[in-house]
Amino acid sequence: MEIGIDSFASAMYGNKSLSNVDAMEQLLDRISFADETGLDVFGIGEHHRKEFLDSATAVILAAAASRTKRIRLGSAVAVLSAADPVRVFQNFATLDLISKGRAELIVGRGSSVEAYPLFGFSLKDYDALFKEKLELLLQIRDQEFVTWSGKFRPAMDHQPVYPRPLQEKLPVWLGVGGTPESFIRAGALGLPLMVAVIGGETHRFRPLVDLYREAGHAAGFSKEQLKVGLHSPGYVAETTEKAIADYYPGYAELWTKLGRERGWPAVTRSHFDALMGPKGVLVVGSPEQVAEKLVQHSEALGGVDRFTFQMDNAGLSHAQLMSSIELIGRKVIPLVKATTGL
């Protein structure tokens, strides 16, 4: 199991007076430290809101590439529906050259939808936009010269797209939430799957993951091609008690705020405790508890090839995040490998 971190480049964690310049510098420091401590991947999301600094994902990742040597660098996720696939490919192909073959894409429709009106797209085309643009992106990835036509972008007539990446085939994962159609689409295309589970119990996604694998096998793809990743909120401290004390206040504040925007109930401690249970989504605790839960989640989904923590939007300080990264690299990853033999 590969283990890494996804960040939304929060500009407001832990210290409301932190400047954007300092927040960005600290984010790049965390990516460098994740590389040094043995994490496998670091992803940057995409939002277009004041509280996040991740609107230009590839730029952040390129800066990180110049500071790192081995960690894979990717989007988490790129809102492909509101972007031009040609430019997305060019940006990440360039990142692949800068990083010497460590770039990858996770693309999706986006759970935060502010990109659609910002770039002149309608939410009524939410799925149609993504389907068409994913088709074009994959064609660009697989062919240097592209002939293509669609509804939302001017046609291409045997036009080349440059630069080409260092990797023979730039990795493209499909980021999904909870709709069966998305899981089936990923399987039918033979794309690695990244499942964002941010609430409830992880095992409930098993039927959807099974749909993905069934669709992939029916389309002729091998088990090795049908990778499954899991993205969930998490945080590691020296003890579970300290992890909860650090993590809960900011988590409750954030999700209560989101709840007011999206119609969810306010977070309570009893709700948080339920999510901390063996089947609950939160991967928060000591290295030993977190490693055990990662193995449990993998077994519940029939095998997970990658897990990424989302931890920088719960009011945690840079020091706390750095400590968590160190514990993941020095303790969690060895414990998971020892348990799984991988």
C-alpha atoms as a PDB file:
ATOM      1  CA  MET A   1       0.000   0.000   0.000  1.00  0.00           C
ATOM      2  CA  GLU A   2       1.342   3.406  -0.984  1.00  0.00           C
ATOM      3  CA  ILE A   3       0.727   6.031   1.694  1.00  0.00           C
ATOM      4  CA  GLY A   4       0.708   9.782   1.236  1.00  0.00           C
ATOM      5  CA  ILE A   5      -1.016  13.100   1.867  1.00  0.00           C
ATOM      6  CA  ASP A   6      -3.473  15.273  -0.025  1.00  0.00           C
ATOM      7  CA  SER A   7      -3.563  18.991   0.736  1.00  0.00           C
ATOM      8  CA  PHE A   8      -5.944  21.798  -0.173  1.00  0.00           C
ATOM      9  CA  ALA A   9      -3.211  24.348   0.595  1.00  0.00           C
ATOM     10  CA  SER A  10      -5.217  25.830   3.419  1.00  0.00           C
ATOM     11  CA  ALA A  11      -4.301  29.446   4.094  1.00  0.00           C
ATOM     12  CA  MET A  12      -5.962  29.526   7.517  1.00  0.00           C
ATOM     13  CA  TYR A  13      -4.876  26.490   9.532  1.00  0.00           C
ATOM     14  CA  GLY A  14      -3.904  26.981  13.150  1.00  0.00           C
ATOM     15  CA  ASN A  15      -3.095  30.687  12.901  1.00  0.00           C
ATOM     16  CA  LYS A  16      -5.653  33.035  11.383  1.00  0.00           C
ATOM     17  CA  SER A  17      -2.984  35.743  10.954  1.00  0.00           C
ATOM     18  CA  LEU A  18      -0.709  33.559   8.814  1.00  0.00           C
ATOM     19  CA  SER A  19       0.081  35.281   5.528  1.00  0.00           C
ATOM     20  CA  ASN A  20      -0.429  33.546   2.198  1.00  0.00           C
ATOM     21  CA  VAL A  21       3.290  33.766   1.519  1.00  0.00           C
ATOM     22  CA  ASP A  22       4.113  31.989   4.788  1.00  0.00           C
ATOM     23  CA  ALA A  23       1.346  29.424   4.278  1.00  0.00           C
ATOM     24  CA  MET A  24       2.721  28.512   0.853  1.00  0.00           C
ATOM     25  CA  GLU A  25       6.295  28.306   2.124  1.00  0.00           C
ATOM     26  CA  GLN A  26       5.214  25.993   4.939  1.00  0.00           C
ATOM     27  CA  LEU A  27       3.263  23.794   2.515  1.00  0.00           C
ATOM     28  CA  LEU A  28       6.365  23.355   0.358  1.00  0.00           C
ATOM     29  CA  ASP A  29       8.377  22.558   3.498  1.00  0.00           C
ATOM     30  CA  ARG A  30       5.862  19.809   4.346  1.00  0.00           C
ATOM     31  CA  ILE A  31       6.092  18.307   0.878  1.00  0.00           C
ATOM     32  CA  SER A  32       9.900  18.273   1.122  1.00  0.00           C
ATOM     33  CA  PHE A  33       9.713  16.672   4.558  1.00  0.00           C
ATOM     34  CA  ALA A  34       7.250  14.054   3.308  1.00  0.00           C
ATOM     35  CA  ASP A  35       9.793  13.161   0.630  1.00  0.00           C
ATOM     36  CA  GLU A  36      12.588  12.912   3.196  1.00  0.00           C
ATOM     37  CA  THR A  37      10.583  10.738   5.594  1.00  0.00           C
ATOM     38  CA  GLY A  38       9.522   8.157   3.020  1.00  0.00           C
ATOM     39  CA  LEU A  39       5.941   9.005   2.058  1.00  0.00           C
ATOM     40  CA  ASP A  40       4.995   7.790  -1.413  1.00  0.00           C
ATOM     41  CA  VAL A  41       2.814  10.571  -2.808  1.00  0.00           C
ATOM     42  CA  PHE A  42       1.711  14.155  -2.161  1.00  0.00           C
ATOM     43  CA  GLY A  43      -1.378  15.540  -3.871  1.00  0.00           C
ATOM     44  CA  ILE A  44      -2.665  19.105  -4.166  1.00  0.00           C
ATOM     45  CA  GLY A  45      -6.381  19.755  -4.643  1.00  0.00           C
ATOM     46  CA  GLU A  46      -8.106  22.461  -6.646  1.00  0.00           C
ATOM     47  CA  HIS A  47     -10.396  25.106  -5.191  1.00  0.00           C
ATOM     48  CA  HIS A  48     -11.162  28.696  -6.064  1.00  0.00           C
ATOM     49  CA  ARG A  49     -11.979  30.031  -2.611  1.00  0.00           C
ATOM     50  CA  LYS A  50     -10.318  32.547  -0.319  1.00  0.00           C
ATOM     51  CA  GLU A  51      -9.390  30.012   2.358  1.00  0.00           C
ATOM     52  CA  PHE A  52      -7.392  27.780  -0.019  1.00  0.00           C
ATOM     53  CA  LEU A  53      -4.294  28.502  -2.119  1.00  0.00           C
ATOM     54  CA  ASP A  54      -4.593  25.574  -4.540  1.00  0.00           C
ATOM     55  CA  SER A  55      -6.190  27.201  -7.600  1.00  0.00           C
ATOM     56  CA  ALA A  56      -2.981  26.678  -9.638  1.00  0.00           C
ATOM     57  CA  THR A  57      -2.132  23.121  -8.645  1.00  0.00           C
ATOM     58  CA  ALA A  58       0.577  22.431 -11.214  1.00  0.00           C
ATOM     59  CA  VAL A  59       2.509  25.556 -10.192  1.00  0.00           C
ATOM     60  CA  ILE A  60       2.682  24.410  -6.561  1.00  0.00           C
ATOM     61  CA  LEU A  61       3.693  20.909  -7.607  1.00  0.00           C
ATOM     62  CA  ALA A  62       6.411  22.244  -9.909  1.00  0.00           C
ATOM     63  CA  ALA A  63       7.876  24.219  -7.011  1.00  0.00           C
ATOM     64  CA  ALA A  64       7.703  21.051  -4.900  1.00  0.00           C
ATOM     65  CA  ALA A  65       9.387  19.040  -7.644  1.00  0.00           C
ATOM     66  CA  SER A  66      12.452  21.268  -7.444  1.00  0.00           C
ATOM     67  CA  ARG A  67      12.758  20.491  -3.722  1.00  0.00           C
ATOM     68  CA  THR A  68      12.121  16.723  -3.789  1.00  0.00           C
ATOM     69  CA  LYS A  69      13.731  13.605  -5.253  1.00  0.00           C
ATOM     70  CA  ARG A  70      11.457  10.569  -5.041  1.00  0.00           C
ATOM     71  CA  ILE A  71       7.911  11.360  -3.883  1.00  0.00           C
ATOM     72  CA  ARG A  72       5.192  11.254  -6.552  1.00  0.00           C
ATOM     73  CA  LEU A  73       3.373  14.558  -7.121  1.00  0.00           C
ATOM     74  CA  GLY A  74      -0.201  14.836  -8.335  1.00  0.00           C
ATOM     75  CA  SER A  75      -3.541  16.611  -8.413  1.00  0.00           C
ATOM     76  CA  ALA A  76      -6.146  15.704  -5.824  1.00  0.00           C
ATOM     77  CA  VAL A  77      -8.327  16.338  -7.719  1.00  0.00           C
ATOM     78  CA  ALA A  78      -8.100  18.474 -10.859  1.00  0.00           C
ATOM     79  CA  VAL A  79     -11.576  19.758 -11.742  1.00  0.00           C
ATOM     80  CA  LEU A  80     -11.387  18.599 -15.344  1.00  0.00           C
ATOM     81  CA  SER A  81     -14.969  19.590 -16.163  1.00  0.00           C
ATOM     82  CA  ALA A  82     -14.100  23.292 -15.850  1.00  0.00           C
ATOM     83  CA  ALA A  83     -10.690  23.102 -17.547  1.00  0.00           C
ATOM     84  CA  ASP A  84      -9.243  22.683 -21.022  1.00  0.00           C
ATOM     85  CA  PRO A  85      -7.839  19.139 -21.306  1.00  0.00           C
ATOM     86  CA  VAL A  86      -5.082  20.359 -23.618  1.00  0.00           C
ATOM     87  CA  ARG A  87      -3.780  22.778 -20.992  1.00  0.00           C
ATOM     88  CA  VAL A  88      -4.224  20.250 -18.189  1.00  0.00           C
ATOM     89  CA  PHE A  89      -2.119  17.742 -20.102  1.00  0.00           C
ATOM     90  CA  GLN A  90       0.521  20.328 -21.004  1.00  0.00           C
ATOM     91  CA  ASN A  91       0.822  21.492 -17.390  1.00  0.00           C
ATOM     92  CA  PHE A  92       1.268  17.996 -16.015  1.00  0.00           C
ATOM     93  CA  ALA A  93       3.502  16.830 -18.849  1.00  0.00           C
ATOM     94  CA  THR A  94       5.737  19.801 -18.011  1.00  0.00           C
ATOM     95  CA  LEU A  95       5.577  18.844 -14.323  1.00  0.00           C
ATOM     96  CA  ASP A  96       6.619  15.324 -15.325  1.00  0.00           C
ATOM     97  CA  LEU A  97       9.707  16.703 -17.048  1.00  0.00           C
ATOM     98  CA  ILE A  98      10.595  18.937 -14.099  1.00  0.00           C
ATOM     99  CA  SER A  99      10.102  16.078 -11.610  1.00  0.00           C
ATOM    100  CA  LYS A 100      11.866  13.512 -13.848  1.00  0.00           C
ATOM    101  CA  GLY A 101       8.853  11.249 -14.170  1.00  0.00           C
ATOM    102  CA  ARG A 102       7.000  11.692 -10.872  1.00  0.00           C
ATOM    103  CA  ALA A 103       3.828  13.481 -12.033  1.00  0.00           C
ATOM    104  CA  GLU A 104       0.330  12.079 -12.105  1.00  0.00           C
ATOM    105  CA  LEU A 105      -3.242  13.298 -12.391  1.00  0.00           C
ATOM    106  CA  ILE A 106      -6.349  12.548 -10.386  1.00  0.00           C
ATOM    107  CA  VAL A 107      -9.246  14.095 -12.264  1.00  0.00           C
ATOM    108  CA  GLY A 108     -12.863  14.540 -11.240  1.00  0.00           C
ATOM    109  CA  ARG A 109     -15.972  16.667 -11.480  1.00  0.00           C
ATOM    110  CA  GLY A 110     -15.307  18.429  -8.185  1.00  0.00           C
ATOM    111  CA  SER A 111     -17.373  18.450  -5.001  1.00  0.00           C
ATOM    112  CA  SER A 112     -16.746  22.206  -4.655  1.00  0.00           C
ATOM    113  CA  VAL A 113     -18.395  23.697  -7.714  1.00  0.00           C
ATOM    114  CA  GLU A 114     -17.181  27.313  -7.716  1.00  0.00           C
ATOM    115  CA  ALA A 115     -14.976  26.577 -10.762  1.00  0.00           C
ATOM    116  CA  TYR A 116     -17.989  26.134 -13.045  1.00  0.00           C
ATOM    117  CA  PRO A 117     -19.350  29.708 -13.025  1.00  0.00           C
ATOM    118  CA  LEU A 118     -15.830  31.103 -12.666  1.00  0.00           C
ATOM    119  CA  PHE A 119     -14.817  29.620 -16.025  1.00  0.00           C
ATOM    120  CA  GLY A 120     -18.162  30.051 -17.736  1.00  0.00           C
ATOM    121  CA  PHE A 121     -19.669  26.571 -17.457  1.00  0.00           C
ATOM    122  CA  SER A 122     -23.132  25.516 -16.328  1.00  0.00           C
ATOM    123  CA  LEU A 123     -23.765  23.017 -13.550  1.00  0.00           C
ATOM    124  CA  LYS A 124     -26.549  21.517 -15.626  1.00  0.00           C
ATOM    125  CA  ASP A 125     -23.737  20.091 -17.792  1.00  0.00           C
ATOM    126  CA  TYR A 126     -21.955  18.683 -14.714  1.00  0.00           C
ATOM    127  CA  ASP A 127     -21.535  15.123 -15.982  1.00  0.00           C
ATOM    128  CA  ALA A 128     -21.576  15.791 -19.736  1.00  0.00           C
ATOM    129  CA  LEU A 129     -18.635  18.173 -19.390  1.00  0.00           C
ATOM    130  CA  PHE A 130     -16.597  15.644 -17.497  1.00  0.00           C
ATOM    131  CA  LYS A 131     -17.356  12.734 -19.816  1.00  0.00           C
ATOM    132  CA  GLU A 132     -16.342  14.680 -22.910  1.00  0.00           C
ATOM    133  CA  LYS A 133     -13.231  16.241 -21.414  1.00  0.00           C
ATOM    134  CA  LEU A 134     -12.014  12.975 -19.931  1.00  0.00           C
ATOM    135  CA  GLU A 135     -12.302  11.389 -23.368  1.00  0.00           C
ATOM    136  CA  LEU A 136     -10.176  14.154 -24.877  1.00  0.00           C
ATOM    137  CA  LEU A 137      -7.597  14.077 -22.073  1.00  0.00           C
ATOM    138  CA  LEU A 138      -7.064  10.340 -22.496  1.00  0.00           C
ATOM    139  CA  GLN A 139      -6.741  10.706 -26.254  1.00  0.00           C
ATOM    140  CA  ILE A 140      -4.116  13.431 -25.808  1.00  0.00           C
ATOM    141  CA  ARG A 141      -2.257  11.230 -23.333  1.00  0.00           C
ATOM    142  CA  ASP A 142      -2.233   8.272 -25.707  1.00  0.00           C
ATOM    143  CA  GLN A 143      -1.657  10.071 -29.028  1.00  0.00           C
ATOM    144  CA  GLU A 144       0.759  12.829 -29.991  1.00  0.00           C
ATOM    145  CA  PHE A 145      -1.487  13.963 -32.871  1.00  0.00           C
ATOM    146  CA  VAL A 146      -5.157  14.373 -31.972  1.00  0.00           C
ATOM    147  CA  THR A 147      -8.280  14.384 -34.115  1.00  0.00           C
ATOM    148  CA  TRP A 148     -11.363  14.985 -31.990  1.00  0.00           C
ATOM    149  CA  SER A 149     -14.676  16.827 -31.880  1.00  0.00           C
ATOM    150  CA  GLY A 150     -17.178  17.518 -29.116  1.00  0.00           C
ATOM    151  CA  LYS A 151     -19.786  19.897 -27.772  1.00  0.00           C
ATOM    152  CA  PHE A 152     -17.879  22.012 -25.265  1.00  0.00           C
ATOM    153  CA  ARG A 153     -14.594  22.702 -27.030  1.00  0.00           C
ATOM    154  CA  PRO A 154     -13.481  23.502 -30.605  1.00  0.00           C
ATOM    155  CA  ALA A 155     -12.595  20.427 -32.657  1.00  0.00           C
ATOM    156  CA  MET A 156      -9.021  19.284 -33.225  1.00  0.00           C
ATOM    157  CA  ASP A 157      -7.829  18.090 -36.633  1.00  0.00           C
ATOM    158  CA  HIS A 158      -4.608  16.070 -36.447  1.00  0.00           C
ATOM    159  CA  GLN A 159      -3.093  18.633 -34.066  1.00  0.00           C
ATOM    160  CA  PRO A 160      -0.055  17.747 -31.962  1.00  0.00           C
ATOM    161  CA  VAL A 161       0.041  18.483 -28.227  1.00  0.00           C
ATOM    162  CA  TYR A 162       3.404  19.242 -26.605  1.00  0.00           C
ATOM    163  CA  PRO A 163       5.381  18.734 -24.504  1.00  0.00           C
ATOM    164  CA  ARG A 164       5.179  14.977 -24.096  1.00  0.00           C
ATOM    165  CA  PRO A 165       5.889  13.688 -20.587  1.00  0.00           C
ATOM    166  CA  LEU A 166       8.933  11.681 -19.543  1.00  0.00           C
ATOM    167  CA  GLN A 167       6.698   8.783 -18.496  1.00  0.00           C
ATOM    168  CA  GLU A 168       5.529   6.769 -21.469  1.00  0.00           C
ATOM    169  CA  LYS A 169       1.965   7.053 -20.222  1.00  0.00           C
ATOM    170  CA  LEU A 170       1.146   9.862 -17.803  1.00  0.00           C
ATOM    171  CA  PRO A 171      -0.848   8.241 -14.950  1.00  0.00           C
ATOM    172  CA  VAL A 172      -4.476   9.405 -14.833  1.00  0.00           C
ATOM    173  CA  TRP A 173      -6.635   8.338 -11.879  1.00  0.00           C
ATOM    174  CA  LEU A 174     -10.367   8.932 -11.652  1.00  0.00           C
ATOM    175  CA  GLY A 175     -11.476  10.629  -8.445  1.00  0.00           C
ATOM    176  CA  VAL A 176     -14.971   9.591  -7.357  1.00  0.00           C
ATOM    177  CA  GLY A 177     -17.456  10.234  -4.571  1.00  0.00           C
ATOM    178  CA  GLY A 178     -20.483   7.996  -4.225  1.00  0.00           C
ATOM    179  CA  THR A 179     -22.258   7.600  -7.576  1.00  0.00           C
ATOM    180  CA  PRO A 180     -22.265   4.088  -9.112  1.00  0.00           C
ATOM    181  CA  GLU A 181     -21.912   5.526 -12.611  1.00  0.00           C
ATOM    182  CA  SER A 182     -18.539   7.057 -11.718  1.00  0.00           C
ATOM    183  CA  PHE A 183     -17.176   3.749 -10.426  1.00  0.00           C
ATOM    184  CA  ILE A 184     -18.394   1.895 -13.515  1.00  0.00           C
ATOM    185  CA  ARG A 185     -16.893   4.559 -15.805  1.00  0.00           C
ATOM    186  CA  ALA A 186     -13.477   4.205 -14.178  1.00  0.00           C
ATOM    187  CA  GLY A 187     -13.582   0.426 -14.504  1.00  0.00           C
ATOM    188  CA  ALA A 188     -14.732   0.462 -18.120  1.00  0.00           C
ATOM    189  CA  LEU A 189     -11.834   2.801 -18.990  1.00  0.00           C
ATOM    190  CA  GLY A 190      -9.314   0.799 -16.974  1.00  0.00           C
ATOM    191  CA  LEU A 191      -8.322   3.847 -14.924  1.00  0.00           C
ATOM    192  CA  PRO A 192      -7.025   3.656 -11.353  1.00  0.00           C
ATOM    193  CA  LEU A 193      -9.736   4.695  -8.895  1.00  0.00           C
ATOM    194  CA  MET A 194      -9.369   7.191  -6.046  1.00  0.00           C
ATOM    195  CA  VAL A 195     -12.335   7.027  -3.675  1.00  0.00           C
ATOM    196  CA  ALA A 196     -12.952  10.027  -1.439  1.00  0.00           C
ATOM    197  CA  VAL A 197     -14.621   8.746   1.734  1.00  0.00           C
ATOM    198  CA  ILE A 198     -15.039  11.698   4.092  1.00  0.00           C
ATOM    199  CA  GLY A 199     -17.964  10.587   6.239  1.00  0.00           C
ATOM    200  CA  GLY A 200     -19.750   7.513   7.551  1.00  0.00           C
ATOM    201  CA  GLU A 201     -18.233   4.034   7.458  1.00  0.00           C
ATOM    202  CA  THR A 202     -15.673   3.056   4.847  1.00  0.00           C
ATOM    203  CA  HIS A 203     -16.907  -0.517   4.337  1.00  0.00           C
ATOM    204  CA  ARG A 204     -20.170   0.797   2.885  1.00  0.00           C
ATOM    205  CA  PHE A 205     -18.249   1.670  -0.286  1.00  0.00           C
ATOM    206  CA  ARG A 206     -17.379  -1.976  -0.944  1.00  0.00           C
ATOM    207  CA  PRO A 207     -20.343  -2.593  -3.323  1.00  0.00           C
ATOM    208  CA  LEU A 208     -19.277   0.413  -5.398  1.00  0.00           C
ATOM    209  CA  VAL A 209     -15.657  -0.747  -5.503  1.00  0.00           C
ATOM    210  CA  ASP A 210     -16.925  -4.166  -6.577  1.00  0.00           C
ATOM    211  CA  LEU A 211     -18.830  -2.463  -9.415  1.00  0.00           C
ATOM    212  CA  TYR A 212     -15.566  -0.833 -10.499  1.00  0.00           C
ATOM    213  CA  ARG A 213     -13.683  -4.115 -10.539  1.00  0.00           C
ATOM    214  CA  GLU A 214     -16.502  -5.951 -12.323  1.00  0.00           C
ATOM    215  CA  ALA A 215     -16.687  -3.251 -15.020  1.00  0.00           C
ATOM    216  CA  GLY A 216     -12.919  -3.314 -15.436  1.00  0.00           C
ATOM    217  CA  HIS A 217     -12.716  -7.084 -15.740  1.00  0.00           C
ATOM    218  CA  ALA A 218     -15.603  -7.078 -18.229  1.00  0.00           C
ATOM    219  CA  ALA A 219     -13.685  -4.527 -20.320  1.00  0.00           C
ATOM    220  CA  GLY A 220     -10.618  -6.770 -20.349  1.00  0.00           C
ATOM    221  CA  PHE A 221      -8.396  -4.997 -17.837  1.00  0.00           C
ATOM    222  CA  SER A 222      -6.172  -6.934 -15.447  1.00  0.00           C
ATOM    223  CA  LYS A 223      -6.284  -6.831 -11.663  1.00  0.00           C
ATOM    224  CA  GLU A 224      -2.959  -4.950 -11.681  1.00  0.00           C
ATOM    225  CA  GLN A 225      -4.446  -2.212 -13.848  1.00  0.00           C
ATOM    226  CA  LEU A 226      -7.482  -1.739 -11.621  1.00  0.00           C
ATOM    227  CA  LYS A 227      -5.861   0.019  -8.687  1.00  0.00           C
ATOM    228  CA  VAL A 228      -7.966   1.361  -5.816  1.00  0.00           C
ATOM    229  CA  GLY A 229      -6.983   4.368  -3.733  1.00  0.00           C
ATOM    230  CA  LEU A 230      -8.704   5.717  -0.627  1.00  0.00           C
ATOM    231  CA  HIS A 231      -8.659   9.360   0.510  1.00  0.00           C
ATOM    232  CA  SER A 232      -9.971  10.171   4.007  1.00  0.00           C
ATOM    233  CA  PRO A 233      -9.489  12.662   6.832  1.00  0.00           C
ATOM    234  CA  GLY A 234      -6.695  11.640   9.176  1.00  0.00           C
ATOM    235  CA  TYR A 235      -3.961  12.691  11.571  1.00  0.00           C
ATOM    236  CA  VAL A 236      -1.275  10.916  13.595  1.00  0.00           C
ATOM    237  CA  ALA A 237       0.148  11.913  16.986  1.00  0.00           C
ATOM    238  CA  GLU A 238       2.257  10.091  19.579  1.00  0.00           C
ATOM    239  CA  THR A 239      -0.884   8.849  21.345  1.00  0.00           C
ATOM    240  CA  THR A 240      -4.500   8.522  20.352  1.00  0.00           C
ATOM    241  CA  GLU A 241      -5.515  10.864  23.182  1.00  0.00           C
ATOM    242  CA  LYS A 242      -3.201  13.583  21.882  1.00  0.00           C
ATOM    243  CA  ALA A 243      -4.347  13.028  18.294  1.00  0.00           C
ATOM    244  CA  ILE A 244      -7.973  13.565  19.293  1.00  0.00           C
ATOM    245  CA  ALA A 245      -7.148  16.604  21.423  1.00  0.00           C
ATOM    246  CA  ASP A 246      -5.246  18.167  18.516  1.00  0.00           C
ATOM    247  CA  TYR A 247      -7.654  17.228  15.754  1.00  0.00           C
ATOM    248  CA  TYR A 248     -11.192  17.418  17.107  1.00  0.00           C
ATOM    249  CA  PRO A 249     -11.600  21.198  17.702  1.00  0.00           C
ATOM    250  CA  GLY A 250     -10.619  22.208  14.180  1.00  0.00           C
ATOM    251  CA  TYR A 251     -12.466  19.295  12.611  1.00  0.00           C
ATOM    252  CA  ALA A 252     -15.677  20.195  14.424  1.00  0.00           C
ATOM    253  CA  GLU A 253     -15.339  23.870  13.474  1.00  0.00           C
ATOM    254  CA  LEU A 254     -14.719  23.104   9.796  1.00  0.00           C
ATOM    255  CA  TRP A 255     -17.457  20.529   9.316  1.00  0.00           C
ATOM    256  CA  THR A 256     -19.999  22.563  11.234  1.00  0.00           C
ATOM    257  CA  LYS A 257     -19.237  25.496   8.928  1.00  0.00           C
ATOM    258  CA  LEU A 258     -19.557  23.266   5.844  1.00  0.00           C
ATOM    259  CA  GLY A 259     -22.769  21.896   7.280  1.00  0.00           C
ATOM    260  CA  ARG A 260     -24.306  25.357   7.377  1.00  0.00           C
ATOM    261  CA  GLU A 261     -23.429  25.768   3.682  1.00  0.00           C
ATOM    262  CA  ARG A 262     -24.605  22.331   2.556  1.00  0.00           C
ATOM    263  CA  GLY A 263     -27.451  21.485   4.919  1.00  0.00           C
ATOM    264  CA  TRP A 264     -25.646  19.027   7.222  1.00  0.00           C
ATOM    265  CA  PRO A 265     -26.126  18.917  11.013  1.00  0.00           C
ATOM    266  CA  ALA A 266     -23.496  20.431  13.272  1.00  0.00           C
ATOM    267  CA  VAL A 267     -20.695  18.111  14.416  1.00  0.00           C
ATOM    268  CA  THR A 268     -21.053  16.708  17.925  1.00  0.00           C
ATOM    269  CA  ARG A 269     -18.499  14.830  20.006  1.00  0.00           C
ATOM    270  CA  SER A 270     -20.627  11.671  19.884  1.00  0.00           C
ATOM    271  CA  HIS A 271     -20.690  11.864  16.086  1.00  0.00           C
ATOM    272  CA  PHE A 272     -16.902  12.319  16.037  1.00  0.00           C
ATOM    273  CA  ASP A 273     -16.408   9.361  18.380  1.00  0.00           C
ATOM    274  CA  ALA A 274     -18.510   7.166  16.092  1.00  0.00           C
ATOM    275  CA  LEU A 275     -16.294   8.110  13.139  1.00  0.00           C
ATOM    276  CA  MET A 276     -13.263   7.199  15.255  1.00  0.00           C
ATOM    277  CA  GLY A 277     -14.573   3.634  15.672  1.00  0.00           C
ATOM    278  CA  PRO A 278     -13.075   0.625  13.836  1.00  0.00           C
ATOM    279  CA  LYS A 279     -15.367   1.082  10.817  1.00  0.00           C
ATOM    280  CA  GLY A 280     -15.574   4.878  10.929  1.00  0.00           C
ATOM    281  CA  VAL A 281     -13.927   7.019   8.293  1.00  0.00           C
ATOM    282  CA  LEU A 282     -11.535   9.017  10.491  1.00  0.00           C
ATOM    283  CA  VAL A 283      -7.964   7.706  10.463  1.00  0.00           C
ATOM    284  CA  VAL A 284      -6.890   9.585  13.587  1.00  0.00           C
ATOM    285  CA  GLY A 285      -4.778   8.223  16.401  1.00  0.00           C
ATOM    286  CA  SER A 286      -1.409   6.824  17.419  1.00  0.00           C
ATOM    287  CA  PRO A 287       0.821   5.229  14.779  1.00  0.00           C
ATOM    288  CA  GLU A 288      -0.252   1.792  15.930  1.00  0.00           C
ATOM    289  CA  GLN A 289      -3.976   2.592  15.818  1.00  0.00           C
ATOM    290  CA  VAL A 290      -3.713   4.333  12.465  1.00  0.00           C
ATOM    291  CA  ALA A 291      -1.741   1.476  10.900  1.00  0.00           C
ATOM    292  CA  GLU A 292      -4.307  -1.020  12.176  1.00  0.00           C
ATOM    293  CA  LYS A 293      -7.158   1.028  10.756  1.00  0.00           C
ATOM    294  CA  LEU A 294      -5.504   1.366   7.356  1.00  0.00           C
ATOM    295  CA  VAL A 295      -5.201  -2.405   7.137  1.00  0.00           C
ATOM    296  CA  GLN A 296      -8.837  -2.787   8.233  1.00  0.00           C
ATOM    297  CA  HIS A 297     -10.032  -0.321   5.600  1.00  0.00           C
ATOM    298  CA  SER A 298      -8.018  -2.107   2.928  1.00  0.00           C
ATOM    299  CA  GLU A 299      -9.529  -5.446   3.854  1.00  0.00           C
ATOM    300  CA  ALA A 300     -13.031  -3.946   3.952  1.00  0.00           C
ATOM    301  CA  LEU A 301     -12.676  -2.708   0.359  1.00  0.00           C
ATOM    302  CA  GLY A 302     -11.104  -5.883  -0.970  1.00  0.00           C
ATOM    303  CA  GLY A 303      -7.635  -4.359  -1.116  1.00  0.00           C
ATOM    304  CA  VAL A 304      -6.410  -0.757  -1.277  1.00  0.00           C
ATOM    305  CA  ASP A 305      -3.313   0.145  -3.301  1.00  0.00           C
ATOM    306  CA  ARG A 306      -2.967   3.698  -1.980  1.00  0.00           C
ATOM    307  CA  PHE A 307      -4.157   5.705   1.018  1.00  0.00           C
ATOM    308  CA  THR A 308      -3.888   9.487   1.303  1.00  0.00           C
ATOM    309  CA  PHE A 309      -4.494  11.520   4.452  1.00  0.00           C
ATOM    310  CA  GLN A 310      -6.384  14.812   4.328  1.00  0.00           C
ATOM    311  CA  MET A 311      -5.201  16.623   7.437  1.00  0.00           C
ATOM    312  CA  ASP A 312      -4.385  20.277   6.807  1.00  0.00           C
ATOM    313  CA  ASN A 313      -7.898  21.733   7.038  1.00  0.00           C
ATOM    314  CA  ALA A 314      -8.639  20.900  10.679  1.00  0.00           C
ATOM    315  CA  GLY A 315      -6.994  23.897  12.336  1.00  0.00           C
ATOM    316  CA  LEU A 316      -3.667  22.133  12.871  1.00  0.00           C
ATOM    317  CA  SER A 317      -0.443  24.104  13.100  1.00  0.00           C
ATOM    318  CA  HIS A 318       2.515  23.630  10.791  1.00  0.00           C
ATOM    319  CA  ALA A 319       4.443  22.019  13.655  1.00  0.00           C
ATOM    320  CA  GLN A 320       1.632  19.536  14.301  1.00  0.00           C
ATOM    321  CA  LEU A 321       1.412  18.665  10.604  1.00  0.00           C
ATOM    322  CA  MET A 322       5.171  18.171  10.365  1.00  0.00           C
ATOM    323  CA  SER A 323       5.108  15.894  13.393  1.00  0.00           C
ATOM    324  CA  SER A 324       2.281  13.862  11.870  1.00  0.00           C
ATOM    325  CA  ILE A 325       4.180  13.497   8.582  1.00  0.00           C
ATOM    326  CA  GLU A 326       7.218  12.240  10.475  1.00  0.00           C
ATOM    327  CA  LEU A 327       5.149   9.669  12.382  1.00  0.00           C
ATOM    328  CA  ILE A 328       3.524   8.470   9.157  1.00  0.00           C
ATOM    329  CA  GLY A 329       6.883   8.014   7.473  1.00  0.00           C
ATOM    330  CA  ARG A 330       8.882   6.622  10.389  1.00  0.00           C
ATOM    331  CA  LYS A 331       6.228   4.501  12.083  1.00  0.00           C
ATOM    332  CA  VAL A 332       2.918   4.061  10.229  1.00  0.00           C
ATOM    333  CA  ILE A 333       4.381   2.983   6.890  1.00  0.00           C
ATOM    334  CA  PRO A 334       6.738   0.366   8.459  1.00  0.00           C
ATOM    335  CA  LEU A 335       3.883  -0.973  10.614  1.00  0.00           C
ATOM    336  CA  VAL A 336       1.551  -1.333   7.596  1.00  0.00           C
ATOM    337  CA  LYS A 337       4.288  -3.042   5.583  1.00  0.00           C
ATOM    338  CA  ALA A 338       5.050  -5.416   8.438  1.00  0.00           C
ATOM    339  CA  THR A 339       1.378  -6.338   8.766  1.00  0.00           C
ATOM    340  CA  THR A 340       0.640  -6.789   5.052  1.00  0.00           C
ATOM    341  CA  GLY A 341       4.040  -8.127   3.993  1.00  0.00           C
ATOM    342  CA  LEU A 342       4.088  -5.572   1.159  1.00  0.00           C
END
